[in-house]
Protein backbone atom coordinates (compact mmCIF):
# COMPACT_ATOMS: atom_id res chain seq x y z
CA MET A 1 191.71 307.38 165.32
CA SER A 2 192.42 307.69 169.01
CA SER A 3 189.79 307.94 171.73
CA PHE A 4 190.88 311.55 172.20
CA ASP A 5 189.34 312.38 168.82
CA HIS A 6 185.92 311.68 170.34
CA ALA A 7 186.43 313.35 173.70
CA PRO A 8 183.92 316.04 174.61
CA PRO A 9 185.22 319.60 174.54
CA VAL A 10 186.85 320.75 177.73
CA ASP A 11 184.76 323.20 179.73
CA GLU A 12 186.38 326.62 179.52
CA VAL A 13 184.34 327.79 182.51
CA PRO A 14 184.46 325.51 185.57
CA PRO A 15 181.18 323.84 186.55
CA SER A 16 179.29 324.79 189.71
CA ILE A 17 177.24 322.75 192.16
CA PHE A 18 174.00 324.23 193.47
CA ILE A 19 172.27 322.85 196.57
CA ARG A 20 169.05 324.34 197.88
CA SER A 21 169.09 324.25 201.63
CA GLU A 22 166.85 325.65 204.35
CA ARG A 23 170.00 325.88 206.49
CA SER A 24 172.39 327.15 203.82
CA ARG A 25 174.58 329.15 206.20
CA ALA A 26 174.91 326.45 208.85
CA ASP A 27 175.47 323.73 206.24
CA ALA A 28 178.08 325.75 204.34
CA LEU A 29 180.02 326.78 207.44
CA ARG A 30 180.03 323.17 208.65
CA ILE A 31 181.70 322.15 205.38
CA GLY A 32 184.41 324.81 205.33
CA ASP A 33 185.34 328.45 205.04
CA ALA A 34 182.21 329.60 203.23
CA LYS A 35 181.69 333.07 201.80
CA ARG A 36 178.36 334.86 201.55
CA ILE A 37 177.08 335.45 198.02
CA VAL A 38 174.06 337.60 197.24
CA ASP A 39 172.12 338.63 194.15
CA LEU A 40 173.14 335.52 192.23
CA ASP A 41 170.45 336.26 189.68
CA GLN A 42 172.16 339.58 188.92
CA LYS A 43 175.69 338.21 188.59
CA ASP A 44 177.41 336.84 185.52
CA PHE A 45 177.97 333.09 185.80
CA THR A 46 181.72 333.61 185.95
CA LYS A 47 181.21 335.08 189.44
CA TRP A 48 179.90 331.73 190.74
CA SER A 49 181.61 329.21 188.47
CA GLY A 50 183.85 326.68 190.16
CA GLN A 51 181.89 326.95 193.41
CA VAL A 52 179.66 324.79 195.58
CA LEU A 53 176.72 327.07 196.30
CA LEU A 54 174.33 326.33 199.14
CA VAL A 55 171.43 328.59 198.33
CA SER A 56 168.16 329.76 199.81
CA GLU A 57 164.77 328.73 198.48
CA SER A 58 164.81 331.61 195.98
CA ALA A 59 168.34 330.63 194.85
CA THR A 60 169.32 334.29 194.74
CA ALA A 61 171.55 334.24 197.81
CA GLY A 62 173.51 331.78 199.88
CA TRP A 63 177.00 330.62 200.71
CA SER A 64 179.81 329.48 198.45
CA LEU A 65 182.86 327.28 198.78
CA PRO A 66 185.39 326.57 196.03
CA ILE A 67 185.25 323.19 194.34
CA VAL A 68 188.58 321.57 195.12
CA GLY A 69 189.32 318.75 192.70
CA SER A 70 186.57 317.01 190.78
CA ILE A 71 182.78 317.12 190.98
CA GLU A 72 182.97 313.61 192.44
CA SER A 73 185.27 314.74 195.26
CA ALA A 74 182.91 317.66 195.96
CA PHE A 75 180.01 315.17 196.17
CA ASP A 76 182.04 313.09 198.65
CA LEU A 77 182.67 316.21 200.75
CA LEU A 78 178.96 317.07 200.78
CA GLU A 79 178.08 313.54 201.89
CA GLN A 80 180.72 313.62 204.65
CA HIS A 81 179.13 316.78 206.05
CA GLY A 82 175.54 315.53 205.94
CA VAL A 83 174.33 317.56 202.98
CA GLY A 84 174.31 314.76 200.42
CA SER A 85 170.57 314.10 200.58
CA GLU A 86 169.56 317.58 199.39
CA ARG A 87 168.67 318.12 195.70
CA VAL A 88 171.74 319.01 193.66
CA ALA A 89 172.23 320.65 190.27
CA VAL A 90 175.60 320.65 188.54
CA VAL A 91 175.82 323.50 186.04
CA TYR A 92 178.23 323.28 183.11
CA PRO A 93 178.11 326.84 181.68
CA THR A 94 180.18 326.30 178.55
CA ARG A 95 178.15 323.25 177.52
CA ARG A 96 174.89 324.92 178.65
CA LEU A 97 174.03 321.73 180.51
CA ILE A 98 172.47 321.14 183.93
CA SER A 99 172.62 317.72 185.61
CA CYS A 100 169.90 317.42 188.27
CA TYR A 101 170.26 314.87 191.06
CA LEU A 102 166.86 314.70 192.71
CA ARG A 103 168.03 312.54 195.61
CA GLY A 104 171.18 314.53 196.05
CA THR A 105 174.66 313.14 195.75
CA LEU A 106 173.31 309.76 196.79
CA GLU A 107 171.27 309.42 193.56
CA ASP A 108 171.69 305.92 192.12
CA ARG A 109 169.45 306.33 189.08
CA GLY A 110 171.63 308.95 187.46
CA PRO A 111 170.88 312.58 186.80
CA ILE A 112 168.21 314.23 184.74
CA ARG A 113 170.06 316.28 182.17
CA VAL A 114 168.74 319.48 180.73
CA VAL A 115 170.45 321.07 177.75
CA LEU A 116 169.74 324.78 177.61
CA PRO A 117 169.08 326.40 174.24
CA GLY A 118 171.79 328.33 172.47
CA LEU A 119 172.54 331.93 173.21
CA THR A 120 169.00 333.06 172.59
CA ARG A 121 168.66 334.63 176.03
CA VAL A 122 170.44 335.07 179.32
CA VAL A 123 170.11 332.15 181.73
CA THR A 124 169.02 333.34 185.16
CA MET A 125 168.91 331.68 188.55
CA LYS A 126 165.12 331.65 188.24
CA ASN A 127 165.42 329.65 185.00
CA MET A 128 167.58 327.08 186.78
CA THR A 129 165.32 326.78 189.82
CA ASP A 130 162.30 326.44 187.53
CA VAL A 131 164.00 323.51 185.81
CA ILE A 132 164.88 321.88 189.13
CA ASP A 133 161.35 322.40 190.49
CA GLU A 134 159.82 320.73 187.41
CA PHE A 135 161.34 317.46 188.56
């Protein structure tokens, strides 16, 4: 049996990185060519998958940038632009998994992982921010 037999399934939907920031616009524009995104809680997750999202306190609006490369390279980019210390959540929609980094991309202790229940209900932005706020 090869190690590929035990590999986790590949995410069909690209993961997203959420960062709550009081200066979401300024932070996002400092990083790159950010686009405004509103009503996140009303959008299907495919509309924000594969993005770094710097969001307001309510997490319903903010600014998005495409993830170029891996999650690790996106973390490096955030650190280079001074946003690495903010709380970060990486959302893996297909796996229904959220990895929460309470000390941002600089977290040494590893993430807190939350596995969302099966398709019993729609996952909203409020659900995700409630999970992040619990920690």
